[in-house]
Amino acid sequence: MFVIQEGLQFRITRKNEEVVASIGWKNVISMDKGPITIMQNGEPILKFKFEEIDFI
């Protein structure tokens, strides 16, 4: 299982808002290496983990 994170850092447009160029980023993070923690100012704010659960 993977977490895919994408974003747009900035774009260059013309007066009519046509996108001339853009630079973005994309990360693919494997979940099999353990939980992922999102931090802000050195403090954890979100944690993602994968667990298998047996349903009855």
PDB file of N, CA and C in Angstrom:
ATOM      1  N   MET A   1       0.841  -1.173   0.000  1.00  0.00           N
ATOM      2  CA  MET A   1       0.000   0.000   0.000  1.00  0.00           C
ATOM      3  C   MET A   1       0.890   1.241   0.000  1.00  0.00           C
ATOM      4  N   PHE A   2       0.486   2.254  -0.748  1.00  0.00           N
ATOM      5  CA  PHE A   2       1.259   3.474  -0.879  1.00  0.00           C
ATOM      6  C   PHE A   2       0.401   4.699  -0.602  1.00  0.00           C
ATOM      7  N   VAL A   3       1.016   5.748  -0.095  1.00  0.00           N
ATOM      8  CA  VAL A   3       0.385   7.060   0.003  1.00  0.00           C
ATOM      9  C   VAL A   3       0.991   7.904  -1.107  1.00  0.00           C
ATOM     10  N   ILE A   4       0.151   8.531  -1.931  1.00  0.00           N
ATOM     11  CA  ILE A   4       0.636   9.396  -3.009  1.00  0.00           C
ATOM     12  C   ILE A   4       0.283  10.828  -2.645  1.00  0.00           C
ATOM     13  N   GLN A   5       1.293  11.670  -2.650  1.00  0.00           N
ATOM     14  CA  GLN A   5       1.139  13.070  -2.264  1.00  0.00           C
ATOM     15  C   GLN A   5       1.566  13.914  -3.459  1.00  0.00           C
ATOM     16  N   GLU A   6       0.705  14.827  -3.890  1.00  0.00           N
ATOM     17  CA  GLU A   6       1.022  15.682  -5.033  1.00  0.00           C
ATOM     18  C   GLU A   6       0.729  17.130  -4.686  1.00  0.00           C
ATOM     19  N   GLY A   7       1.446  18.021  -5.312  1.00  0.00           N
ATOM     20  CA  GLY A   7       1.189  19.435  -5.075  1.00  0.00           C
ATOM     21  C   GLY A   7       1.764  20.302  -6.175  1.00  0.00           C
ATOM     22  N   LEU A   8       1.293  21.517  -6.213  1.00  0.00           N
ATOM     23  CA  LEU A   8       1.752  22.505  -7.183  1.00  0.00           C
ATOM     24  C   LEU A   8       2.405  23.633  -6.416  1.00  0.00           C
ATOM     25  N   GLN A   9       3.680  23.854  -6.663  1.00  0.00           N
ATOM     26  CA  GLN A   9       4.382  24.900  -5.943  1.00  0.00           C
ATOM     27  C   GLN A   9       4.102  26.279  -6.537  1.00  0.00           C
ATOM     28  N   PHE A  10       4.143  26.390  -7.857  1.00  0.00           N
ATOM     29  CA  PHE A  10       3.787  27.656  -8.502  1.00  0.00           C
ATOM     30  C   PHE A  10       3.511  27.413  -9.977  1.00  0.00           C
ATOM     31  N   ARG A  11       2.879  28.379 -10.603  1.00  0.00           N
ATOM     32  CA  ARG A  11       2.628  28.286 -12.035  1.00  0.00           C
ATOM     33  C   ARG A  11       2.830  29.657 -12.666  1.00  0.00           C
ATOM     34  N   ILE A  12       3.119  29.645 -13.942  1.00  0.00           N
ATOM     35  CA  ILE A  12       3.315  30.869 -14.717  1.00  0.00           C
ATOM     36  C   ILE A  12       2.153  30.953 -15.701  1.00  0.00           C
ATOM     37  N   THR A  13       1.428  32.081 -15.689  1.00  0.00           N
ATOM     38  CA  THR A  13       0.269  32.236 -16.561  1.00  0.00           C
ATOM     39  C   THR A  13       0.403  33.499 -17.404  1.00  0.00           C
ATOM     40  N   ARG A  14      -0.406  33.546 -18.462  1.00  0.00           N
ATOM     41  CA  ARG A  14      -0.533  34.760 -19.266  1.00  0.00           C
ATOM     42  C   ARG A  14      -1.723  35.554 -18.734  1.00  0.00           C
ATOM     43  N   LYS A  15      -1.981  36.712 -19.329  1.00  0.00           N
ATOM     44  CA  LYS A  15      -3.096  37.555 -18.877  1.00  0.00           C
ATOM     45  C   LYS A  15      -4.437  36.832 -18.921  1.00  0.00           C
ATOM     46  N   ASN A  16      -4.608  35.929 -19.868  1.00  0.00           N
ATOM     47  CA  ASN A  16      -5.875  35.201 -19.992  1.00  0.00           C
ATOM     48  C   ASN A  16      -5.911  33.931 -19.132  1.00  0.00           C
ATOM     49  N   GLU A  17      -4.977  33.815 -18.176  1.00  0.00           N
ATOM     50  CA  GLU A  17      -4.896  32.689 -17.242  1.00  0.00           C
ATOM     51  C   GLU A  17      -4.476  31.368 -17.889  1.00  0.00           C
ATOM     52  N   GLU A  18      -3.974  31.409 -19.144  1.00  0.00           N
ATOM     53  CA  GLU A  18      -3.424  30.206 -19.751  1.00  0.00           C
ATOM     54  C   GLU A  18      -2.141  29.843 -19.003  1.00  0.00           C
ATOM     55  N   VAL A  19      -2.021  28.570 -18.602  1.00  0.00           N
ATOM     56  CA  VAL A  19      -0.821  28.139 -17.888  1.00  0.00           C
ATOM     57  C   VAL A  19       0.302  27.934 -18.898  1.00  0.00           C
ATOM     58  N   VAL A  20       1.369  28.694 -18.743  1.00  0.00           N
ATOM     59  CA  VAL A  20       2.518  28.606 -19.630  1.00  0.00           C
ATOM     60  C   VAL A  20       3.504  27.545 -19.123  1.00  0.00           C
ATOM     61  N   ALA A  21       3.724  27.512 -17.816  1.00  0.00           N
ATOM     62  CA  ALA A  21       4.634  26.538 -17.218  1.00  0.00           C
ATOM     63  C   ALA A  21       4.252  26.345 -15.756  1.00  0.00           C
ATOM     64  N   SER A  22       4.573  25.195 -15.217  1.00  0.00           N
ATOM     65  CA  SER A  22       4.333  24.951 -13.800  1.00  0.00           C
ATOM     66  C   SER A  22       5.395  23.992 -13.275  1.00  0.00           C
ATOM     67  N   ILE A  23       5.672  24.121 -12.017  1.00  0.00           N
ATOM     68  CA  ILE A  23       6.611  23.222 -11.351  1.00  0.00           C
ATOM     69  C   ILE A  23       5.889  22.664 -10.141  1.00  0.00           C
ATOM     70  N   GLY A  24       5.833  21.364 -10.061  1.00  0.00           N
ATOM     71  CA  GLY A  24       5.127  20.720  -8.954  1.00  0.00           C
ATOM     72  C   GLY A  24       5.959  19.593  -8.375  1.00  0.00           C
ATOM     73  N   TRP A  25       5.342  18.808  -7.518  1.00  0.00           N
ATOM     74  CA  TRP A  25       6.032  17.709  -6.875  1.00  0.00           C
ATOM     75  C   TRP A  25       5.073  16.552  -6.681  1.00  0.00           C
ATOM     76  N   LYS A  26       5.626  15.360  -6.572  1.00  0.00           N
ATOM     77  CA  LYS A  26       4.838  14.157  -6.328  1.00  0.00           C
ATOM     78  C   LYS A  26       5.702  13.180  -5.542  1.00  0.00           C
ATOM     79  N   ASN A  27       5.175  12.700  -4.444  1.00  0.00           N
ATOM     80  CA  ASN A  27       5.862  11.709  -3.620  1.00  0.00           C
ATOM     81  C   ASN A  27       5.013  10.454  -3.549  1.00  0.00           C
ATOM     82  N   VAL A  28       5.665   9.305  -3.636  1.00  0.00           N
ATOM     83  CA  VAL A  28       4.996   8.024  -3.430  1.00  0.00           C
ATOM     84  C   VAL A  28       5.675   7.403  -2.209  1.00  0.00           C
ATOM     85  N   ILE A  29       4.908   7.217  -1.140  1.00  0.00           N
ATOM     86  CA  ILE A  29       5.465   6.761   0.129  1.00  0.00           C
ATOM     87  C   ILE A  29       4.947   5.364   0.416  1.00  0.00           C
ATOM     88  N   SER A  30       5.863   4.419   0.604  1.00  0.00           N
ATOM     89  CA  SER A  30       5.492   3.044   0.909  1.00  0.00           C
ATOM     90  C   SER A  30       5.041   2.939   2.363  1.00  0.00           C
ATOM     91  N   MET A  31       3.925   2.275   2.596  1.00  0.00           N
ATOM     92  CA  MET A  31       3.406   2.113   3.950  1.00  0.00           C
ATOM     93  C   MET A  31       4.000   0.900   4.661  1.00  0.00           C
ATOM     94  N   ASP A  32       4.737   0.043   3.952  1.00  0.00           N
ATOM     95  CA  ASP A  32       5.260  -1.162   4.599  1.00  0.00           C
ATOM     96  C   ASP A  32       6.512  -0.908   5.442  1.00  0.00           C
ATOM     97  N   LYS A  33       6.965   0.329   5.550  1.00  0.00           N
ATOM     98  CA  LYS A  33       8.103   0.662   6.409  1.00  0.00           C
ATOM     99  C   LYS A  33       7.662   1.230   7.753  1.00  0.00           C
ATOM    100  N   GLY A  34       6.342   1.260   8.005  1.00  0.00           N
ATOM    101  CA  GLY A  34       5.838   1.757   9.276  1.00  0.00           C
ATOM    102  C   GLY A  34       4.966   2.979   9.117  1.00  0.00           C
ATOM    103  N   PRO A  35       4.455   3.508  10.239  1.00  0.00           N
ATOM    104  CA  PRO A  35       3.539   4.656  10.198  1.00  0.00           C
ATOM    105  C   PRO A  35       4.198   5.917   9.657  1.00  0.00           C
ATOM    106  N   ILE A  36       3.365   6.814   9.129  1.00  0.00           N
ATOM    107  CA  ILE A  36       3.805   8.119   8.632  1.00  0.00           C
ATOM    108  C   ILE A  36       3.239   9.172   9.578  1.00  0.00           C
ATOM    109  N   THR A  37       4.074  10.069  10.050  1.00  0.00           N
ATOM    110  CA  THR A  37       3.639  11.144  10.929  1.00  0.00           C
ATOM    111  C   THR A  37       3.870  12.477  10.244  1.00  0.00           C
ATOM    112  N   ILE A  38       2.834  13.320  10.196  1.00  0.00           N
ATOM    113  CA  ILE A  38       2.947  14.667   9.638  1.00  0.00           C
ATOM    114  C   ILE A  38       3.152  15.615  10.804  1.00  0.00           C
ATOM    115  N   MET A  39       4.210  16.431  10.707  1.00  0.00           N
ATOM    116  CA  MET A  39       4.589  17.298  11.807  1.00  0.00           C
ATOM    117  C   MET A  39       4.497  18.754  11.395  1.00  0.00           C
ATOM    118  N   GLN A  40       4.166  19.610  12.353  1.00  0.00           N
ATOM    119  CA  GLN A  40       4.161  21.054  12.149  1.00  0.00           C
ATOM    120  C   GLN A  40       4.853  21.679  13.352  1.00  0.00           C
ATOM    121  N   ASN A  41       5.867  22.490  13.074  1.00  0.00           N
ATOM    122  CA  ASN A  41       6.664  23.126  14.131  1.00  0.00           C
ATOM    123  C   ASN A  41       7.221  22.108  15.129  1.00  0.00           C
ATOM    124  N   GLY A  42       7.622  20.947  14.624  1.00  0.00           N
ATOM    125  CA  GLY A  42       8.211  19.924  15.473  1.00  0.00           C
ATOM    126  C   GLY A  42       7.216  19.091  16.267  1.00  0.00           C
ATOM    127  N   GLU A  43       5.912  19.338  16.102  1.00  0.00           N
ATOM    128  CA  GLU A  43       4.876  18.606  16.828  1.00  0.00           C
ATOM    129  C   GLU A  43       4.066  17.742  15.867  1.00  0.00           C
ATOM    130  N   PRO A  44       3.786  16.489  16.221  1.00  0.00           N
ATOM    131  CA  PRO A  44       2.968  15.640  15.355  1.00  0.00           C
ATOM    132  C   PRO A  44       1.517  16.124  15.318  1.00  0.00           C
ATOM    133  N   ILE A  45       0.948  16.220  14.092  1.00  0.00           N
ATOM    134  CA  ILE A  45      -0.446  16.645  13.971  1.00  0.00           C
ATOM    135  C   ILE A  45      -1.320  15.570  13.322  1.00  0.00           C
ATOM    136  N   LEU A  46      -0.752  14.688  12.507  1.00  0.00           N
ATOM    137  CA  LEU A  46      -1.478  13.577  11.890  1.00  0.00           C
ATOM    138  C   LEU A  46      -0.585  12.352  11.838  1.00  0.00           C
ATOM    139  N   LYS A  47      -1.188  11.161  11.979  1.00  0.00           N
ATOM    140  CA  LYS A  47      -0.429   9.918  11.866  1.00  0.00           C
ATOM    141  C   LYS A  47      -1.250   8.936  11.036  1.00  0.00           C
ATOM    142  N   PHE A  48      -0.612   8.335  10.046  1.00  0.00           N
ATOM    143  CA  PHE A  48      -1.247   7.340   9.191  1.00  0.00           C
ATOM    144  C   PHE A  48      -0.544   6.014   9.400  1.00  0.00           C
ATOM    145  N   LYS A  49      -1.335   4.947   9.588  1.00  0.00           N
ATOM    146  CA  LYS A  49      -0.753   3.608   9.673  1.00  0.00           C
ATOM    147  C   LYS A  49      -1.703   2.614   9.036  1.00  0.00           C
ATOM    148  N   PHE A  50      -1.166   1.501   8.607  1.00  0.00           N
ATOM    149  CA  PHE A  50      -1.932   0.461   7.928  1.00  0.00           C
ATOM    150  C   PHE A  50      -2.029  -0.727   8.865  1.00  0.00           C
ATOM    151  N   GLU A  51      -3.249  -1.160   9.120  1.00  0.00           N
ATOM    152  CA  GLU A  51      -3.479  -2.341   9.964  1.00  0.00           C
ATOM    153  C   GLU A  51      -4.447  -3.267   9.260  1.00  0.00           C
ATOM    154  N   GLU A  52      -4.161  -4.547   9.346  1.00  0.00           N
ATOM    155  CA  GLU A  52      -5.103  -5.542   8.828  1.00  0.00           C
ATOM    156  C   GLU A  52      -6.059  -5.905   9.946  1.00  0.00           C
ATOM    157  N   ILE A  53      -7.356  -5.880   9.640  1.00  0.00           N
ATOM    158  CA  ILE A  53      -8.385  -6.168  10.632  1.00  0.00           C
ATOM    159  C   ILE A  53      -9.263  -7.288  10.092  1.00  0.00           C
ATOM    160  N   ASP A  54      -9.517  -8.285  10.914  1.00  0.00           N
ATOM    161  CA  ASP A  54     -10.420  -9.373  10.540  1.00  0.00           C
ATOM    162  C   ASP A  54     -11.861  -8.926  10.807  1.00  0.00           C
ATOM    163  N   PHE A  55     -12.684  -8.982   9.771  1.00  0.00           N
ATOM    164  CA  PHE A  55     -14.105  -8.659   9.926  1.00  0.00           C
ATOM    165  C   PHE A  55     -14.887  -9.952  10.142  1.00  0.00           C
ATOM    166  N   ILE A  56     -15.862  -9.875  10.982  1.00  0.00           N
ATOM    167  CA  ILE A  56     -16.683 -11.063  11.273  1.00  0.00           C
ATOM    168  C   ILE A  56     -17.849 -11.118  10.322  1.00  0.00           C
TER     169      ILE A  56
END
